[in-house]
PDB file of N, CA and C in Angstrom:
ATOM      1  N   MET A   1     167.255-119.637   8.238  1.00  0.00           N
ATOM      2  CA  MET A   1     167.805-120.703   7.839  1.00  0.00           C
ATOM      3  C   MET A   1     168.959-120.496   7.227  1.00  0.00           C
ATOM      4  N   ASP A   2     170.270-120.362   7.480  1.00  0.00           N
ATOM      5  CA  ASP A   2     171.415-120.260   7.088  1.00  0.00           C
ATOM      6  C   ASP A   2     172.088-121.811   6.165  1.00  0.00           C
ATOM      7  N   ILE A   3     172.352-121.355   4.860  1.00  0.00           N
ATOM      8  CA  ILE A   3     172.692-122.142   3.904  1.00  0.00           C
ATOM      9  C   ILE A   3     174.367-122.112   3.440  1.00  0.00           C
ATOM     10  N   ASN A   4     175.036-123.200   3.862  1.00  0.00           N
ATOM     11  CA  ASN A   4     176.452-122.990   3.600  1.00  0.00           C
ATOM     12  C   ASN A   4     176.532-123.820   2.488  1.00  0.00           C
ATOM     13  N   ILE A   5     176.933-123.806   1.483  1.00  0.00           N
ATOM     14  CA  ILE A   5     176.828-124.843   0.417  1.00  0.00           C
ATOM     15  C   ILE A   5     178.084-125.669   0.560  1.00  0.00           C
ATOM     16  N   TYR A   6     179.297-125.212   0.999  1.00  0.00           N
ATOM     17  CA  TYR A   6     180.375-126.098   1.297  1.00  0.00           C
ATOM     18  C   TYR A   6     180.015-127.069   2.901  1.00  0.00           C
ATOM     19  N   GLU A   7     178.578-127.001   2.910  1.00  0.00           N
ATOM     20  CA  GLU A   7     178.735-127.861   4.150  1.00  0.00           C
ATOM     21  C   GLU A   7     177.577-128.721   3.832  1.00  0.00           C
ATOM     22  N   ASP A   8     176.582-128.115   2.772  1.00  0.00           N
ATOM     23  CA  ASP A   8     175.201-129.039   2.054  1.00  0.00           C
ATOM     24  C   ASP A   8     175.275-129.660   1.188  1.00  0.00           C
ATOM     25  N   PHE A   9     176.876-129.323   0.376  1.00  0.00           N
ATOM     26  CA  PHE A   9     176.739-130.315  -0.918  1.00  0.00           C
ATOM     27  C   PHE A   9     178.190-131.153  -1.047  1.00  0.00           C
ATOM     28  N   LEU A  10     178.392-132.208  -1.871  1.00  0.00           N
ATOM     29  CA  LEU A  10     179.686-132.903  -1.741  1.00  0.00           C
ATOM     30  C   LEU A  10     180.598-131.823  -2.709  1.00  0.00           C
ATOM     31  N   SER A  11     182.116-132.033  -2.229  1.00  0.00           N
ATOM     32  CA  SER A  11     182.704-130.995  -3.029  1.00  0.00           C
ATOM     33  C   SER A  11     182.908-132.012  -4.596  1.00  0.00           C
ATOM     34  N   LYS A  12     183.621-131.689  -5.544  1.00  0.00           N
ATOM     35  CA  LYS A  12     183.893-132.283  -6.664  1.00  0.00           C
ATOM     36  C   LYS A  12     184.753-133.388  -6.244  1.00  0.00           C
ATOM     37  N   ALA A  13     185.799-133.289  -5.592  1.00  0.00           N
ATOM     38  CA  ALA A  13     186.398-134.297  -5.329  1.00  0.00           C
ATOM     39  C   ALA A  13     186.277-135.631  -4.416  1.00  0.00           C
ATOM     40  N   GLU A  14     184.957-135.148  -3.420  1.00  0.00           N
ATOM     41  CA  GLU A  14     184.117-136.072  -2.943  1.00  0.00           C
ATOM     42  C   GLU A  14     183.160-137.102  -4.073  1.00  0.00           C
ATOM     43  N   ILE A  15     182.598-136.106  -4.796  1.00  0.00           N
ATOM     44  CA  ILE A  15     181.850-136.661  -6.020  1.00  0.00           C
ATOM     45  C   ILE A  15     182.704-137.771  -6.758  1.00  0.00           C
ATOM     46  N   GLU A  16     183.855-137.343  -7.124  1.00  0.00           N
ATOM     47  CA  GLU A  16     184.908-138.126  -7.684  1.00  0.00           C
ATOM     48  C   GLU A  16     185.344-139.844  -7.086  1.00  0.00           C
ATOM     49  N   PHE A  17     185.489-139.388  -5.272  1.00  0.00           N
ATOM     50  CA  PHE A  17     185.545-140.284  -4.908  1.00  0.00           C
ATOM     51  C   PHE A  17     184.374-141.389  -4.478  1.00  0.00           C
ATOM     52  N   LEU A  18     183.198-141.095  -4.290  1.00  0.00           N
ATOM     53  CA  LEU A  18     182.171-141.885  -4.153  1.00  0.00           C
ATOM     54  C   LEU A  18     181.827-142.588  -5.493  1.00  0.00           C
ATOM     55  N   THR A  19     181.925-141.838  -6.978  1.00  0.00           N
ATOM     56  CA  THR A  19     181.418-142.492  -8.052  1.00  0.00           C
ATOM     57  C   THR A  19     183.041-143.480  -8.626  1.00  0.00           C
ATOM     58  N   GLY A  20     183.987-143.221  -8.178  1.00  0.00           N
ATOM     59  CA  GLY A  20     185.146-143.391  -8.764  1.00  0.00           C
ATOM     60  C   GLY A  20     185.505-143.288 -10.147  1.00  0.00           C
ATOM     61  N   ARG A  21     185.167-142.176 -10.713  1.00  0.00           N
ATOM     62  CA  ARG A  21     184.900-141.463 -11.681  1.00  0.00           C
ATOM     63  C   ARG A  21     185.629-140.179 -11.625  1.00  0.00           C
ATOM     64  N   LYS A  22     186.036-139.865 -12.638  1.00  0.00           N
ATOM     65  CA  LYS A  22     186.365-138.186 -12.852  1.00  0.00           C
ATOM     66  C   LYS A  22     185.956-137.215 -14.017  1.00  0.00           C
ATOM     67  N   GLN A  23     185.745-138.228 -15.113  1.00  0.00           N
ATOM     68  CA  GLN A  23     185.144-137.395 -16.562  1.00  0.00           C
ATOM     69  C   GLN A  23     184.214-136.825 -15.749  1.00  0.00           C
ATOM     70  N   LYS A  24     183.376-135.894 -16.485  1.00  0.00           N
ATOM     71  CA  LYS A  24     181.904-135.699 -16.006  1.00  0.00           C
ATOM     72  C   LYS A  24     180.785-136.395 -16.385  1.00  0.00           C
ATOM     73  N   SER A  25     180.770-136.968 -17.742  1.00  0.00           N
ATOM     74  CA  SER A  25     180.024-137.473 -18.420  1.00  0.00           C
ATOM     75  C   SER A  25     179.718-139.265 -18.019  1.00  0.00           C
ATOM     76  N   LEU A  26     181.329-139.746 -17.082  1.00  0.00           N
ATOM     77  CA  LEU A  26     180.965-140.790 -16.340  1.00  0.00           C
ATOM     78  C   LEU A  26     180.622-140.557 -14.977  1.00  0.00           C
ATOM     79  N   VAL A  27     180.738-139.610 -14.424  1.00  0.00           N
ATOM     80  CA  VAL A  27     180.396-139.439 -13.139  1.00  0.00           C
ATOM     81  C   VAL A  27     178.919-139.309 -13.167  1.00  0.00           C
ATOM     82  N   ILE A  28     178.295-138.528 -13.613  1.00  0.00           N
ATOM     83  CA  ILE A  28     176.734-138.843 -13.993  1.00  0.00           C
ATOM     84  C   ILE A  28     176.283-140.028 -14.414  1.00  0.00           C
ATOM     85  N   GLU A  29     176.842-140.796 -15.330  1.00  0.00           N
ATOM     86  CA  GLU A  29     176.656-142.173 -15.523  1.00  0.00           C
ATOM     87  C   GLU A  29     176.193-142.846 -14.223  1.00  0.00           C
ATOM     88  N   GLN A  30     177.436-143.026 -13.491  1.00  0.00           N
ATOM     89  CA  GLN A  30     177.385-143.729 -12.300  1.00  0.00           C
ATOM     90  C   GLN A  30     176.604-143.089 -10.994  1.00  0.00           C
ATOM     91  N   LEU A  31     176.590-141.770 -10.946  1.00  0.00           N
ATOM     92  CA  LEU A  31     175.528-141.112  -9.967  1.00  0.00           C
ATOM     93  C   LEU A  31     173.945-142.014 -10.556  1.00  0.00           C
ATOM     94  N   ASN A  32     173.669-141.997 -11.518  1.00  0.00           N
ATOM     95  CA  ASN A  32     172.903-142.410 -12.231  1.00  0.00           C
ATOM     96  C   ASN A  32     172.365-144.332 -11.636  1.00  0.00           C
ATOM     97  N   ALA A  33     173.296-144.743 -12.221  1.00  0.00           N
ATOM     98  CA  ALA A  33     173.503-146.268 -11.534  1.00  0.00           C
ATOM     99  C   ALA A  33     173.629-146.784 -10.242  1.00  0.00           C
ATOM    100  N   MET A  34     173.946-145.845  -9.441  1.00  0.00           N
ATOM    101  CA  MET A  34     173.653-145.892  -8.240  1.00  0.00           C
ATOM    102  C   MET A  34     172.608-145.456  -7.435  1.00  0.00           C
ATOM    103  N   GLY A  35     171.642-144.624  -8.164  1.00  0.00           N
ATOM    104  CA  GLY A  35     170.592-143.929  -7.903  1.00  0.00           C
ATOM    105  C   GLY A  35     170.899-142.810  -6.756  1.00  0.00           C
ATOM    106  N   ILE A  36     171.460-142.155  -7.178  1.00  0.00           N
ATOM    107  CA  ILE A  36     172.001-141.060  -6.183  1.00  0.00           C
ATOM    108  C   ILE A  36     171.594-139.682  -6.775  1.00  0.00           C
ATOM    109  N   PRO A  37     170.565-138.952  -6.212  1.00  0.00           N
ATOM    110  CA  PRO A  37     170.013-137.839  -7.074  1.00  0.00           C
ATOM    111  C   PRO A  37     171.151-136.865  -6.858  1.00  0.00           C
ATOM    112  N   PHE A  38     170.920-136.182  -8.102  1.00  0.00           N
ATOM    113  CA  PHE A  38     171.669-134.628  -8.079  1.00  0.00           C
ATOM    114  C   PHE A  38     171.075-134.044  -9.174  1.00  0.00           C
ATOM    115  N   LYS A  39     171.508-132.666  -9.166  1.00  0.00           N
ATOM    116  CA  LYS A  39     171.269-131.498 -10.225  1.00  0.00           C
ATOM    117  C   LYS A  39     172.459-130.969 -11.117  1.00  0.00           C
ATOM    118  N   ARG A  40     172.336-130.624 -12.190  1.00  0.00           N
ATOM    119  CA  ARG A  40     173.559-130.262 -12.987  1.00  0.00           C
ATOM    120  C   ARG A  40     173.682-128.600 -12.625  1.00  0.00           C
ATOM    121  N   ASN A  41     174.876-128.188 -12.429  1.00  0.00           N
ATOM    122  CA  ASN A  41     175.162-126.764 -12.437  1.00  0.00           C
ATOM    123  C   ASN A  41     175.458-126.116 -13.764  1.00  0.00           C
ATOM    124  N   ALA A  42     175.811-125.247 -13.805  1.00  0.00           N
ATOM    125  CA  ALA A  42     175.502-124.112 -15.313  1.00  0.00           C
ATOM    126  C   ALA A  42     176.881-124.811 -16.003  1.00  0.00           C
ATOM    127  N   ASN A  43     178.083-125.615 -15.404  1.00  0.00           N
ATOM    128  CA  ASN A  43     178.675-126.186 -16.285  1.00  0.00           C
ATOM    129  C   ASN A  43     178.446-127.594 -16.663  1.00  0.00           C
ATOM    130  N   GLY A  44     177.183-128.099 -16.286  1.00  0.00           N
ATOM    131  CA  GLY A  44     176.917-129.355 -16.293  1.00  0.00           C
ATOM    132  C   GLY A  44     177.369-130.416 -15.267  1.00  0.00           C
ATOM    133  N   TYR A  45     178.095-130.160 -14.557  1.00  0.00           N
ATOM    134  CA  TYR A  45     178.587-130.754 -13.570  1.00  0.00           C
ATOM    135  C   TYR A  45     177.634-131.106 -12.407  1.00  0.00           C
ATOM    136  N   PRO A  46     177.763-132.639 -11.895  1.00  0.00           N
ATOM    137  CA  PRO A  46     176.521-132.711 -11.121  1.00  0.00           C
ATOM    138  C   PRO A  46     176.550-132.416  -9.116  1.00  0.00           C
ATOM    139  N   ILE A  47     175.785-131.639  -9.175  1.00  0.00           N
ATOM    140  CA  ILE A  47     175.801-131.203  -7.528  1.00  0.00           C
ATOM    141  C   ILE A  47     175.002-132.144  -6.924  1.00  0.00           C
ATOM    142  N   VAL A  48     175.783-132.736  -5.900  1.00  0.00           N
ATOM    143  CA  VAL A  48     174.930-133.751  -4.933  1.00  0.00           C
ATOM    144  C   VAL A  48     174.847-133.108  -3.539  1.00  0.00           C
ATOM    145  N   ARG A  49     173.744-133.268  -2.736  1.00  0.00           N
ATOM    146  CA  ARG A  49     173.665-132.820  -1.523  1.00  0.00           C
ATOM    147  C   ARG A  49     174.236-133.829  -0.384  1.00  0.00           C
ATOM    148  N   ARG A  50     174.426-133.614   0.876  1.00  0.00           N
ATOM    149  CA  ARG A  50     175.217-134.443   1.484  1.00  0.00           C
ATOM    150  C   ARG A  50     174.457-135.477   2.096  1.00  0.00           C
ATOM    151  N   ASP A  51     172.631-135.232   2.126  1.00  0.00           N
ATOM    152  CA  ASP A  51     171.999-135.961   2.860  1.00  0.00           C
ATOM    153  C   ASP A  51     170.994-136.547   1.277  1.00  0.00           C
ATOM    154  N   TYR A  52     171.939-137.065   0.633  1.00  0.00           N
ATOM    155  CA  TYR A  52     171.213-137.673  -0.725  1.00  0.00           C
ATOM    156  C   TYR A  52     170.586-139.128  -0.252  1.00  0.00           C
ATOM    157  N   ASP A  53     171.378-139.521   1.101  1.00  0.00           N
ATOM    158  CA  ASP A  53     171.102-140.899   1.265  1.00  0.00           C
ATOM    159  C   ASP A  53     169.855-141.000   1.763  1.00  0.00           C
ATOM    160  N   LYS A  54     169.323-139.960   2.782  1.00  0.00           N
ATOM    161  CA  LYS A  54     168.130-139.509   3.468  1.00  0.00           C
ATOM    162  C   LYS A  54     167.222-139.269   2.353  1.00  0.00           C
ATOM    163  N   VAL A  55     167.202-138.778   1.087  1.00  0.00           N
ATOM    164  CA  VAL A  55     166.202-138.212   0.356  1.00  0.00           C
ATOM    165  C   VAL A  55     165.888-139.544  -0.462  1.00  0.00           C
ATOM    166  N   LYS A  56     167.066-139.982  -0.791  1.00  0.00           N
ATOM    167  CA  LYS A  56     166.932-141.516  -1.628  1.00  0.00           C
ATOM    168  C   LYS A  56     165.902-142.643  -0.637  1.00  0.00           C
ATOM    169  N   SER A  57     166.369-142.750   0.200  1.00  0.00           N
ATOM    170  CA  SER A  57     165.354-143.460   0.803  1.00  0.00           C
ATOM    171  C   SER A  57     164.034-143.050   1.443  1.00  0.00           C
ATOM    172  N   ARG A  58     164.049-141.745   1.454  1.00  0.00           N
ATOM    173  CA  ARG A  58     162.376-141.251   1.858  1.00  0.00           C
ATOM    174  C   ARG A  58     161.420-141.601   0.614  1.00  0.00           C
ATOM    175  N   THR A  59     161.899-141.369  -0.464  1.00  0.00           N
ATOM    176  CA  THR A  59     161.167-141.533  -2.171  1.00  0.00           C
ATOM    177  C   THR A  59     161.082-142.905  -1.834  1.00  0.00           C
ATOM    178  N   ALA A  60     161.964-143.834  -1.374  1.00  0.00           N
ATOM    179  CA  ALA A  60     161.715-145.304  -1.749  1.00  0.00           C
ATOM    180  C   ALA A  60     160.633-145.700  -0.822  1.00  0.00           C
ATOM    181  N   LYS A  61     160.595-145.452   0.229  1.00  0.00           N
ATOM    182  CA  LYS A  61     159.629-145.682   1.273  1.00  0.00           C
ATOM    183  C   LYS A  61     157.971-145.119   0.563  1.00  0.00           C
ATOM    184  N   THR A  62     157.804-143.883   0.086  1.00  0.00           N
ATOM    185  CA  THR A  62     156.877-143.515  -0.339  1.00  0.00           C
ATOM    186  C   THR A  62     156.388-144.492  -1.587  1.00  0.00           C
ATOM    187  N   GLU A  63     157.607-144.712  -2.425  1.00  0.00           N
ATOM    188  CA  GLU A  63     156.854-145.531  -3.437  1.00  0.00           C
ATOM    189  C   GLU A  63     156.519-146.990  -2.997  1.00  0.00           C
ATOM    190  N   SER A  64     156.900-147.755  -2.267  1.00  0.00           N
ATOM    191  CA  SER A  64     156.590-148.823  -1.649  1.00  0.00           C
ATOM    192  C   SER A  64     155.189-148.560  -1.015  1.00  0.00           C
ATOM    193  N   GLN A  65     154.962-147.502  -0.055  1.00  0.00           N
ATOM    194  CA  GLN A  65     153.577-147.280   0.564  1.00  0.00           C
ATOM    195  C   GLN A  65     152.607-147.277  -0.469  1.00  0.00           C
ATOM    196  N   ASN A  66     152.706-146.265  -1.622  1.00  0.00           N
ATOM    197  CA  ASN A  66     151.939-146.318  -2.550  1.00  0.00           C
ATOM    198  C   ASN A  66     151.485-147.707  -3.422  1.00  0.00           C
ATOM    199  N   TYR A  67     152.253-148.253  -3.363  1.00  0.00           N
ATOM    200  CA  TYR A  67     152.558-149.376  -4.056  1.00  0.00           C
ATOM    201  C   TYR A  67     151.190-150.449  -3.124  1.00  0.00           C
ATOM    202  N   GLU A  68     151.599-150.524  -1.902  1.00  0.00           N
ATOM    203  CA  GLU A  68     150.606-151.184  -0.834  1.00  0.00           C
ATOM    204  C   GLU A  68     149.108-150.866  -0.948  1.00  0.00           C
ATOM    205  N   ASN A  69     149.154-149.236  -0.793  1.00  0.00           N
ATOM    206  CA  ASN A  69     147.949-148.414  -0.856  1.00  0.00           C
ATOM    207  C   ASN A  69     147.340-148.904  -2.123  1.00  0.00           C
ATOM    208  N   ASN A  70     147.517-148.926  -3.234  1.00  0.00           N
ATOM    209  CA  ASN A  70     146.954-149.121  -4.577  1.00  0.00           C
ATOM    210  C   ASN A  70     147.169-150.321  -5.138  1.00  0.00           C
ATOM    211  N   ALA A  71     147.439-151.467  -4.137  1.00  0.00           N
ATOM    212  CA  ALA A  71     147.629-152.792  -4.736  1.00  0.00           C
ATOM    213  C   ALA A  71     145.972-153.465  -5.139  1.00  0.00           C
ATOM    214  N   TRP A  72     146.363-153.977  -6.096  1.00  0.00           N
ATOM    215  CA  TRP A  72     145.141-154.668  -6.672  1.00  0.00           C
ATOM    216  C   TRP A  72     144.244-155.779  -5.702  1.00  0.00           C
ATOM    217  N   ARG A  73     143.069-155.167  -5.878  1.00  0.00           N
ATOM    218  CA  ARG A  73     141.930-156.228  -4.903  1.00  0.00           C
ATOM    219  C   ARG A  73     140.615-156.419  -5.809  1.00  0.00           C
ATOM    220  N   PRO A  74     140.119-157.557  -5.807  1.00  0.00           N
ATOM    221  CA  PRO A  74     139.263-157.811  -6.510  1.00  0.00           C
ATOM    222  C   PRO A  74     138.022-157.166  -6.083  1.00  0.00           C
ATOM    223  N   SER A  75     136.940-156.628  -7.020  1.00  0.00           N
ATOM    224  CA  SER A  75     136.039-155.948  -6.989  1.00  0.00           C
ATOM    225  C   SER A  75     135.020-156.629  -5.751  1.00  0.00           C
ATOM    226  N   VAL A  76     134.911-157.988  -5.595  1.00  0.00           N
ATOM    227  CA  VAL A  76     134.403-158.446  -4.448  1.00  0.00           C
ATOM    228  C   VAL A  76     134.723-158.303  -3.048  1.00  0.00           C
ATOM    229  N   LEU A  77     135.790-157.855  -3.054  1.00  0.00           N
ATOM    230  CA  LEU A  77     136.336-157.622  -1.614  1.00  0.00           C
ATOM    231  C   LEU A  77     136.445-155.970  -1.395  1.00  0.00           C
ATOM    232  N   GLN A  78     136.110-155.472  -2.395  1.00  0.00           N
ATOM    233  CA  GLN A  78     135.902-153.834  -2.295  1.00  0.00           C
ATOM    234  C   GLN A  78     134.362-153.466  -1.813  1.00  0.00           C
ATOM    235  N   VAL A  79     134.828-152.543  -0.401  1.00  0.00           N
ATOM    236  CA  VAL A  79     133.441-152.139   0.113  1.00  0.00           C
ATOM    237  C   VAL A  79     132.877-150.861  -0.232  1.00  0.00           C
TER     238      VAL A  79
END
């Protein structure tokens, strides 16, 4: 599997456009507010995968499925 970082991650310009922010701390704050997952590089700047929307929706589905499976039921109904 070939990994090309230029195709797998958003560029700095794309992240700034997405968040509407240029300052590193404000970019991170906005990404958190938007619920977009990221990792920080050695300089502390956020790195965002291009498929962040798929990762985000996948985790949202599993959280809702866990809630449905673990929903409270009265002991009378438990067999």
